[in-house]
């Protein structure tokens, strides 16, 4: 039996009549720029009934070889099939690379860039990318399949069952960044309401699956005000101590000089 990967699973399900698959990606970034990525591909119970071989057809060896942990839940709580792939990253550059590898050139999340600038107590995080499937289902196909078949067979498969892509496929991205969000104009996401003691911000996008592309942008600034105040206070105390020592040395030098001037020569 031919094996398929995560994107192949999504492609296989959406061409089944009356079935649905949801692909949810979550990225959480810590204050030092490290973090975790998880991808959940969930096919509904109808998909499992119509294609019970889906679970045994999965090939996640490449993902595991690349450092991902993969958990296949069959059946899932809803009677469907759920595949969870996760991995850690050490820097925001690694996060950008891993997300790009997952989606490829034509997938629903493209041109992903995540940056961190600033220092330990005052850092800014900038996220940008493009969301959408302008090539339709062909966006999930690998380069070899597209070269050999073109885009038409993938569009025809969906048209045969009379489906609209958004009705059979859901794609979402949740991004959690340290700090407070920037101006609302700096993001295209839905921002989860923050509590008073929250130290991070979560942005969520539900990707439109029409023929258009949507910009994905988010910005936060993470400032540890107490640490910054402590740093400035420490710097102020250091300067004060240096000035105090300098004044003391000057005073001692003056006293020694005056005494040497007032002492009679022997």
C-alpha atoms as a PDB file:
ATOM      1  CA  UNK A   1       0.000   0.000   0.000  1.00  0.00           C
ATOM      2  CA  UNK A   2       1.350   3.450  -0.915  1.00  0.00           C
ATOM      3  CA  UNK A   3       2.313   5.571   2.062  1.00  0.00           C
ATOM      4  CA  UNK A   4       1.281   9.224   2.504  1.00  0.00           C
ATOM      5  CA  UNK A   5       2.526  12.079   4.715  1.00  0.00           C
ATOM      6  CA  UNK A   6       0.607  14.715   6.690  1.00  0.00           C
ATOM      7  CA  UNK A   7      -0.201  16.852   3.659  1.00  0.00           C
ATOM      8  CA  UNK A   8      -1.056  13.686   1.764  1.00  0.00           C
ATOM      9  CA  UNK A   9      -3.512  12.787   4.526  1.00  0.00           C
ATOM     10  CA  UNK A  10      -5.230  16.155   4.153  1.00  0.00           C
ATOM     11  CA  UNK A  11      -5.353  15.725   0.391  1.00  0.00           C
ATOM     12  CA  UNK A  12      -6.711  12.178   0.656  1.00  0.00           C
ATOM     13  CA  UNK A  13      -9.533  13.169   3.005  1.00  0.00           C
ATOM     14  CA  UNK A  14     -10.847  16.257   1.222  1.00  0.00           C
ATOM     15  CA  UNK A  15     -11.512  14.285  -1.960  1.00  0.00           C
ATOM     16  CA  UNK A  16     -13.689  11.797  -0.059  1.00  0.00           C
ATOM     17  CA  UNK A  17     -17.415  12.598  -0.347  1.00  0.00           C
ATOM     18  CA  UNK A  18     -18.884  14.243   2.754  1.00  0.00           C
ATOM     19  CA  UNK A  19     -15.622  14.213   4.723  1.00  0.00           C
ATOM     20  CA  UNK A  20     -13.651  16.954   6.424  1.00  0.00           C
ATOM     21  CA  UNK A  21     -10.111  17.468   7.673  1.00  0.00           C
ATOM     22  CA  UNK A  22      -8.750  20.252   9.874  1.00  0.00           C
ATOM     23  CA  UNK A  23      -5.104  21.264   9.964  1.00  0.00           C
ATOM     24  CA  UNK A  24      -4.138  23.340  13.024  1.00  0.00           C
ATOM     25  CA  UNK A  25      -0.629  24.691  13.596  1.00  0.00           C
ATOM     26  CA  UNK A  26       0.433  26.148  16.959  1.00  0.00           C
ATOM     27  CA  UNK A  27       3.666  28.003  17.688  1.00  0.00           C
ATOM     28  CA  UNK A  28       4.702  29.087  21.182  1.00  0.00           C
ATOM     29  CA  UNK A  29       7.776  31.281  21.667  1.00  0.00           C
ATOM     30  CA  UNK A  30       9.540  31.724  25.014  1.00  0.00           C
ATOM     31  CA  UNK A  31      11.309  34.888  26.186  1.00  0.00           C
ATOM     32  CA  UNK A  32      14.709  33.622  25.022  1.00  0.00           C
ATOM     33  CA  UNK A  33      13.472  32.919  21.479  1.00  0.00           C
ATOM     34  CA  UNK A  34      13.151  29.147  21.881  1.00  0.00           C
ATOM     35  CA  UNK A  35       9.838  27.319  21.822  1.00  0.00           C
ATOM     36  CA  UNK A  36       7.639  24.603  20.359  1.00  0.00           C
ATOM     37  CA  UNK A  37       5.687  23.904  17.179  1.00  0.00           C
ATOM     38  CA  UNK A  38       2.789  21.477  16.981  1.00  0.00           C
ATOM     39  CA  UNK A  39       0.682  20.487  13.990  1.00  0.00           C
ATOM     40  CA  UNK A  40      -2.597  18.606  14.372  1.00  0.00           C
ATOM     41  CA  UNK A  41      -4.233  16.987  11.348  1.00  0.00           C
ATOM     42  CA  UNK A  42      -7.710  15.759  12.281  1.00  0.00           C
ATOM     43  CA  UNK A  43      -9.904  13.775   9.885  1.00  0.00           C
ATOM     44  CA  UNK A  44     -13.530  13.313  10.886  1.00  0.00           C
ATOM     45  CA  UNK A  45     -15.321  10.021  11.552  1.00  0.00           C
ATOM     46  CA  UNK A  46     -16.835   9.970   8.053  1.00  0.00           C
ATOM     47  CA  UNK A  47     -13.347   9.949   6.565  1.00  0.00           C
ATOM     48  CA  UNK A  48     -12.355   6.938   8.658  1.00  0.00           C
ATOM     49  CA  UNK A  49     -15.529   5.072   7.709  1.00  0.00           C
ATOM     50  CA  UNK A  50     -15.058   5.812   4.008  1.00  0.00           C
ATOM     51  CA  UNK A  51     -11.331   5.087   4.027  1.00  0.00           C
ATOM     52  CA  UNK A  52     -10.401   2.840   6.978  1.00  0.00           C
ATOM     53  CA  UNK A  53      -6.929   2.349   5.480  1.00  0.00           C
ATOM     54  CA  UNK A  54      -5.949   5.982   6.191  1.00  0.00           C
ATOM     55  CA  UNK A  55      -4.133   5.184   9.442  1.00  0.00           C
ATOM     56  CA  UNK A  56      -2.074   2.353   7.958  1.00  0.00           C
ATOM     57  CA  UNK A  57      -1.282   4.454   4.894  1.00  0.00           C
ATOM     58  CA  UNK A  58       0.465   7.167   6.893  1.00  0.00           C
ATOM     59  CA  UNK A  59       4.206   7.620   6.395  1.00  0.00           C
ATOM     60  CA  UNK A  60       5.755   9.868   9.027  1.00  0.00           C
ATOM     61  CA  UNK A  61       9.272   8.441   8.876  1.00  0.00           C
ATOM     62  CA  UNK A  62      10.663  11.574   7.229  1.00  0.00           C
ATOM     63  CA  UNK A  63       9.166  13.773   9.930  1.00  0.00           C
ATOM     64  CA  UNK A  64      10.601  11.626  12.707  1.00  0.00           C
ATOM     65  CA  UNK A  65      13.997  11.537  10.997  1.00  0.00           C
ATOM     66  CA  UNK A  66      13.904  15.346  10.890  1.00  0.00           C
ATOM     67  CA  UNK A  67      13.417  15.569  14.661  1.00  0.00           C
ATOM     68  CA  UNK A  68       9.629  15.638  14.968  1.00  0.00           C
ATOM     69  CA  UNK A  69       7.688  13.519  17.434  1.00  0.00           C
ATOM     70  CA  UNK A  70       4.539  12.074  15.850  1.00  0.00           C
ATOM     71  CA  UNK A  71       1.523  10.657  17.674  1.00  0.00           C
ATOM     72  CA  UNK A  72      -1.229   8.914  15.689  1.00  0.00           C
ATOM     73  CA  UNK A  73      -4.574   8.662  17.496  1.00  0.00           C
ATOM     74  CA  UNK A  74      -6.833   6.147  15.779  1.00  0.00           C
ATOM     75  CA  UNK A  75      -9.604   6.398  16.629  1.00  0.00           C
ATOM     76  CA  UNK A  76      -9.620   9.903  18.052  1.00  0.00           C
ATOM     77  CA  UNK A  77     -12.195  10.979  20.632  1.00  0.00           C
ATOM     78  CA  UNK A  78     -14.670  11.911  17.888  1.00  0.00           C
ATOM     79  CA  UNK A  79     -14.228   8.602  16.074  1.00  0.00           C
ATOM     80  CA  UNK A  80     -11.976  10.117  13.452  1.00  0.00           C
ATOM     81  CA  UNK A  81      -8.218  10.059  12.947  1.00  0.00           C
ATOM     82  CA  UNK A  82      -5.848  12.556  14.558  1.00  0.00           C
ATOM     83  CA  UNK A  83      -2.137  12.974  13.888  1.00  0.00           C
ATOM     84  CA  UNK A  84      -0.055  15.276  16.100  1.00  0.00           C
ATOM     85  CA  UNK A  85       3.458  16.273  15.042  1.00  0.00           C
ATOM     86  CA  UNK A  86       5.563  18.397  17.401  1.00  0.00           C
ATOM     87  CA  UNK A  87       9.105  19.615  17.866  1.00  0.00           C
ATOM     88  CA  UNK A  88      11.119  22.220  19.736  1.00  0.00           C
ATOM     89  CA  UNK A  89      13.244  25.005  18.312  1.00  0.00           C
ATOM     90  CA  UNK A  90      16.189  26.840  19.861  1.00  0.00           C
ATOM     91  CA  UNK A  91      15.825  30.164  18.026  1.00  0.00           C
ATOM     92  CA  UNK A  92      13.210  32.081  16.065  1.00  0.00           C
ATOM     93  CA  UNK A  93      15.267  31.431  12.921  1.00  0.00           C
ATOM     94  CA  UNK A  94      14.793  27.698  13.453  1.00  0.00           C
ATOM     95  CA  UNK A  95      11.068  28.226  13.920  1.00  0.00           C
ATOM     96  CA  UNK A  96      10.869  30.035  10.573  1.00  0.00           C
ATOM     97  CA  UNK A  97      12.785  27.218   8.883  1.00  0.00           C
ATOM     98  CA  UNK A  98      10.666  24.408  10.340  1.00  0.00           C
ATOM     99  CA  UNK A  99       7.383  26.117   9.439  1.00  0.00           C
ATOM    100  CA  UNK A 100       8.601  26.665   5.889  1.00  0.00           C
ATOM    101  CA  UNK A 101       9.603  23.005   5.587  1.00  0.00           C
ATOM    102  CA  UNK A 102       6.162  21.855   6.727  1.00  0.00           C
ATOM    103  CA  UNK A 103       4.114  23.878   4.273  1.00  0.00           C
ATOM    104  CA  UNK A 104       6.434  23.996   1.276  1.00  0.00           C
ATOM    105  CA  UNK A 105       6.285  26.452  -1.604  1.00  0.00           C
ATOM    106  CA  UNK A 106       2.570  26.083  -2.366  1.00  0.00           C
ATOM    107  CA  UNK A 107       1.047  25.125   0.982  1.00  0.00           C
ATOM    108  CA  UNK A 108      -1.330  27.167   3.137  1.00  0.00           C
ATOM    109  CA  UNK A 109       1.449  28.889   5.158  1.00  0.00           C
ATOM    110  CA  UNK A 110       4.268  30.416   3.131  1.00  0.00           C
ATOM    111  CA  UNK A 111       7.100  32.956   3.324  1.00  0.00           C
ATOM    112  CA  UNK A 112       7.164  32.630   7.101  1.00  0.00           C
ATOM    113  CA  UNK A 113       9.557  34.923   8.981  1.00  0.00           C
ATOM    114  CA  UNK A 114       9.828  35.246  12.756  1.00  0.00           C
ATOM    115  CA  UNK A 115      12.389  37.639  14.253  1.00  0.00           C
ATOM    116  CA  UNK A 116      13.461  38.735  17.717  1.00  0.00           C
ATOM    117  CA  UNK A 117      15.343  41.981  18.316  1.00  0.00           C
ATOM    118  CA  UNK A 118      16.505  43.761  21.456  1.00  0.00           C
ATOM    119  CA  UNK A 119      18.032  42.594  24.705  1.00  0.00           C
ATOM    120  CA  UNK A 120      17.189  40.426  27.683  1.00  0.00           C
ATOM    121  CA  UNK A 121      14.794  42.833  29.406  1.00  0.00           C
ATOM    122  CA  UNK A 122      13.412  44.644  26.347  1.00  0.00           C
ATOM    123  CA  UNK A 123      12.790  42.558  23.213  1.00  0.00           C
ATOM    124  CA  UNK A 124      10.499  42.885  20.191  1.00  0.00           C
ATOM    125  CA  UNK A 125       9.016  40.019  18.162  1.00  0.00           C
ATOM    126  CA  UNK A 126       7.891  40.374  14.551  1.00  0.00           C
ATOM    127  CA  UNK A 127       6.016  37.704  12.583  1.00  0.00           C
ATOM    128  CA  UNK A 128       5.079  37.806   8.919  1.00  0.00           C
ATOM    129  CA  UNK A 129       3.921  35.362   6.285  1.00  0.00           C
ATOM    130  CA  UNK A 130       1.294  34.571   3.682  1.00  0.00           C
ATOM    131  CA  UNK A 131      -1.760  32.372   4.191  1.00  0.00           C
ATOM    132  CA  UNK A 132      -3.987  30.783   1.574  1.00  0.00           C
ATOM    133  CA  UNK A 133      -4.221  28.109  -1.086  1.00  0.00           C
ATOM    134  CA  UNK A 134      -4.240  29.957  -4.434  1.00  0.00           C
ATOM    135  CA  UNK A 135      -3.496  26.650  -6.173  1.00  0.00           C
ATOM    136  CA  UNK A 136      -6.327  24.883  -4.352  1.00  0.00           C
ATOM    137  CA  UNK A 137      -5.716  21.241  -3.466  1.00  0.00           C
ATOM    138  CA  UNK A 138      -2.626  21.273  -5.668  1.00  0.00           C
ATOM    139  CA  UNK A 139      -0.974  23.275  -2.898  1.00  0.00           C
ATOM    140  CA  UNK A 140      -0.745  20.054  -0.876  1.00  0.00           C
ATOM    141  CA  UNK A 141       0.881  18.068  -3.678  1.00  0.00           C
ATOM    142  CA  UNK A 142       4.640  17.646  -3.894  1.00  0.00           C
ATOM    143  CA  UNK A 143       6.683  19.130  -6.715  1.00  0.00           C
ATOM    144  CA  UNK A 144       6.998  15.820  -8.586  1.00  0.00           C
ATOM    145  CA  UNK A 145       3.230  15.296  -8.650  1.00  0.00           C
ATOM    146  CA  UNK A 146       2.621  18.827  -9.882  1.00  0.00           C
ATOM    147  CA  UNK A 147       5.235  18.431 -12.599  1.00  0.00           C
ATOM    148  CA  UNK A 148       3.744  15.147 -13.767  1.00  0.00           C
ATOM    149  CA  UNK A 149       0.040  15.930 -13.427  1.00  0.00           C
ATOM    150  CA  UNK A 150      -0.405  19.680 -13.230  1.00  0.00           C
ATOM    151  CA  UNK A 151      -3.081  21.300 -11.075  1.00  0.00           C
ATOM    152  CA  UNK A 152      -6.177  20.170 -13.015  1.00  0.00           C
ATOM    153  CA  UNK A 153      -6.597  16.650 -11.506  1.00  0.00           C
ATOM    154  CA  UNK A 154      -6.668  18.044  -7.974  1.00  0.00           C
ATOM    155  CA  UNK A 155      -9.309  20.634  -8.829  1.00  0.00           C
ATOM    156  CA  UNK A 156     -11.322  18.017 -10.715  1.00  0.00           C
ATOM    157  CA  UNK A 157     -11.283  15.638  -7.735  1.00  0.00           C
ATOM    158  CA  UNK A 158     -12.905  18.265  -5.533  1.00  0.00           C
ATOM    159  CA  UNK A 159     -15.359  19.322  -8.249  1.00  0.00           C
ATOM    160  CA  UNK A 160     -16.498  15.708  -8.737  1.00  0.00           C
ATOM    161  CA  UNK A 161     -17.893  15.548  -5.247  1.00  0.00           C
ATOM    162  CA  UNK A 162     -19.421  19.020  -5.581  1.00  0.00           C
ATOM    163  CA  UNK A 163     -17.449  20.364  -2.652  1.00  0.00           C
ATOM    164  CA  UNK A 164     -16.223  23.838  -1.802  1.00  0.00           C
ATOM    165  CA  UNK A 165     -12.697  23.702  -0.407  1.00  0.00           C
ATOM    166  CA  UNK A 166     -13.581  25.701   2.692  1.00  0.00           C
ATOM    167  CA  UNK A 167     -16.390  23.242   3.513  1.00  0.00           C
ATOM    168  CA  UNK A 168     -14.130  20.187   3.584  1.00  0.00           C
ATOM    169  CA  UNK A 169     -10.856  21.677   4.821  1.00  0.00           C
ATOM    170  CA  UNK A 170      -9.969  23.992   7.697  1.00  0.00           C
ATOM    171  CA  UNK A 171      -6.536  25.556   8.203  1.00  0.00           C
ATOM    172  CA  UNK A 172      -5.612  27.612  11.260  1.00  0.00           C
ATOM    173  CA  UNK A 173      -2.504  29.062  12.881  1.00  0.00           C
ATOM    174  CA  UNK A 174      -2.090  30.058  16.532  1.00  0.00           C
ATOM    175  CA  UNK A 175       1.018  32.019  17.508  1.00  0.00           C
ATOM    176  CA  UNK A 176       1.949  32.877  21.095  1.00  0.00           C
ATOM    177  CA  UNK A 177       4.640  35.535  21.524  1.00  0.00           C
ATOM    178  CA  UNK A 178       6.110  37.038  24.706  1.00  0.00           C
ATOM    179  CA  UNK A 179       4.991  40.528  25.620  1.00  0.00           C
ATOM    180  CA  UNK A 180       2.166  42.871  24.732  1.00  0.00           C
ATOM    181  CA  UNK A 181       0.722  43.290  21.228  1.00  0.00           C
ATOM    182  CA  UNK A 182       1.537  46.303  19.099  1.00  0.00           C
ATOM    183  CA  UNK A 183      -1.056  48.542  17.497  1.00  0.00           C
ATOM    184  CA  UNK A 184      -4.071  46.667  16.129  1.00  0.00           C
ATOM    185  CA  UNK A 185      -3.108  47.836  12.636  1.00  0.00           C
ATOM    186  CA  UNK A 186       0.085  45.801  12.960  1.00  0.00           C
ATOM    187  CA  UNK A 187      -1.710  42.442  12.880  1.00  0.00           C
ATOM    188  CA  UNK A 188      -4.250  40.642  10.731  1.00  0.00           C
ATOM    189  CA  UNK A 189      -5.066  38.117  13.460  1.00  0.00           C
ATOM    190  CA  UNK A 190      -7.632  37.693  16.174  1.00  0.00           C
ATOM    191  CA  UNK A 191      -5.952  38.461  19.501  1.00  0.00           C
ATOM    192  CA  UNK A 192      -6.937  36.394  22.527  1.00  0.00           C
ATOM    193  CA  UNK A 193      -7.995  38.757  25.359  1.00  0.00           C
ATOM    194  CA  UNK A 194      -5.175  39.138  27.888  1.00  0.00           C
ATOM    195  CA  UNK A 195      -5.486  38.888  31.648  1.00  0.00           C
ATOM    196  CA  UNK A 196      -3.728  41.370  33.922  1.00  0.00           C
ATOM    197  CA  UNK A 197      -0.979  38.897  34.795  1.00  0.00           C
ATOM    198  CA  UNK A 198      -0.442  37.526  31.264  1.00  0.00           C
ATOM    199  CA  UNK A 199       3.138  37.751  30.020  1.00  0.00           C
ATOM    200  CA  UNK A 200       2.421  36.706  26.426  1.00  0.00           C
ATOM    201  CA  UNK A 201      -0.044  37.320  23.593  1.00  0.00           C
ATOM    202  CA  UNK A 202      -1.771  34.750  21.364  1.00  0.00           C
ATOM    203  CA  UNK A 203      -2.659  35.566  17.756  1.00  0.00           C
ATOM    204  CA  UNK A 204      -4.988  33.288  15.755  1.00  0.00           C
ATOM    205  CA  UNK A 205      -5.653  33.123  12.032  1.00  0.00           C
ATOM    206  CA  UNK A 206      -8.313  31.058  10.248  1.00  0.00           C
ATOM    207  CA  UNK A 207      -6.862  30.858   6.764  1.00  0.00           C
ATOM    208  CA  UNK A 208      -9.200  31.721   3.883  1.00  0.00           C
ATOM    209  CA  UNK A 209      -9.171  28.920   1.317  1.00  0.00           C
ATOM    210  CA  UNK A 210     -10.360  30.800  -1.735  1.00  0.00           C
ATOM    211  CA  UNK A 211      -8.056  31.747  -4.583  1.00  0.00           C
ATOM    212  CA  UNK A 212      -6.568  34.689  -2.694  1.00  0.00           C
ATOM    213  CA  UNK A 213      -3.588  35.129  -0.397  1.00  0.00           C
ATOM    214  CA  UNK A 214      -3.838  36.861   2.978  1.00  0.00           C
ATOM    215  CA  UNK A 215      -0.977  38.610   4.798  1.00  0.00           C
ATOM    216  CA  UNK A 216      -0.143  37.226   8.241  1.00  0.00           C
ATOM    217  CA  UNK A 217       1.436  39.793  10.551  1.00  0.00           C
ATOM    218  CA  UNK A 218       1.935  40.135  14.296  1.00  0.00           C
ATOM    219  CA  UNK A 219       4.112  42.203  16.619  1.00  0.00           C
ATOM    220  CA  UNK A 220       4.800  42.217  20.363  1.00  0.00           C
ATOM    221  CA  UNK A 221       7.159  43.985  22.728  1.00  0.00           C
ATOM    222  CA  UNK A 222       8.342  42.184  25.842  1.00  0.00           C
ATOM    223  CA  UNK A 223       9.602  44.549  28.536  1.00  0.00           C
ATOM    224  CA  UNK A 224      10.496  43.505  32.080  1.00  0.00           C
ATOM    225  CA  UNK A 225       9.911  46.897  33.681  1.00  0.00           C
ATOM    226  CA  UNK A 226      10.992  45.822  37.169  1.00  0.00           C
ATOM    227  CA  UNK A 227      14.252  44.399  35.815  1.00  0.00           C
ATOM    228  CA  UNK A 228      14.836  47.541  33.749  1.00  0.00           C
ATOM    229  CA  UNK A 229      14.201  49.757  36.798  1.00  0.00           C
ATOM    230  CA  UNK A 230      16.518  47.581  38.879  1.00  0.00           C
ATOM    231  CA  UNK A 231      19.192  47.867  36.171  1.00  0.00           C
ATOM    232  CA  UNK A 232      18.943  51.659  36.055  1.00  0.00           C
ATOM    233  CA  UNK A 233      18.944  51.861  39.854  1.00  0.00           C
ATOM    234  CA  UNK A 234      22.026  49.639  39.968  1.00  0.00           C
ATOM    235  CA  UNK A 235      23.727  51.808  37.338  1.00  0.00           C
ATOM    236  CA  UNK A 236      22.793  54.921  39.324  1.00  0.00           C
ATOM    237  CA  UNK A 237      24.176  53.431  42.528  1.00  0.00           C
ATOM    238  CA  UNK A 238      27.367  52.456  40.723  1.00  0.00           C
ATOM    239  CA  UNK A 239      27.828  55.988  39.390  1.00  0.00           C
ATOM    240  CA  UNK A 240      27.065  57.394  42.849  1.00  0.00           C
ATOM    241  CA  UNK A 241      29.649  55.094  44.453  1.00  0.00           C
ATOM    242  CA  UNK A 242      32.271  56.031  41.865  1.00  0.00           C
ATOM    243  CA  UNK A 243      31.647  59.744  42.455  1.00  0.00           C
ATOM    244  CA  UNK A 244      31.698  59.205  46.227  1.00  0.00           C
ATOM    245  CA  UNK A 245      35.018  57.341  46.055  1.00  0.00           C
ATOM    246  CA  UNK A 246      36.461  60.015  43.774  1.00  0.00           C
ATOM    247  CA  UNK A 247      35.395  62.773  46.188  1.00  0.00           C
ATOM    248  CA  UNK A 248      36.827  60.836  49.125  1.00  0.00           C
ATOM    249  CA  UNK A 249      40.132  60.359  47.327  1.00  0.00           C
ATOM    250  CA  UNK A 250      40.223  64.051  46.431  1.00  0.00           C
ATOM    251  CA  UNK A 251      39.510  64.993  50.056  1.00  0.00           C
ATOM    252  CA  UNK A 252      42.229  62.688  51.379  1.00  0.00           C
ATOM    253  CA  UNK A 253      44.710  64.025  48.833  1.00  0.00           C
ATOM    254  CA  UNK A 254      43.859  67.600  49.877  1.00  0.00           C
ATOM    255  CA  UNK A 255      44.322  66.820  53.577  1.00  0.00           C
ATOM    256  CA  UNK A 256      47.666  65.120  52.949  1.00  0.00           C
ATOM    257  CA  UNK A 257      48.832  68.040  50.826  1.00  0.00           C
ATOM    258  CA  UNK A 258      47.860  70.625  53.457  1.00  0.00           C
ATOM    259  CA  UNK A 259      49.571  68.688  56.206  1.00  0.00           C
ATOM    260  CA  UNK A 260      52.716  68.352  54.149  1.00  0.00           C
ATOM    261  CA  UNK A 261      52.706  72.120  53.583  1.00  0.00           C
ATOM    262  CA  UNK A 262      52.163  72.930  57.247  1.00  0.00           C
ATOM    263  CA  UNK A 263      54.809  70.561  58.664  1.00  0.00           C
ATOM    264  CA  UNK A 264      58.117  72.450  59.467  1.00  0.00           C
ATOM    265  CA  UNK A 265      61.195  71.200  57.696  1.00  0.00           C
ATOM    266  CA  UNK A 266      63.541  69.309  60.006  1.00  0.00           C
END
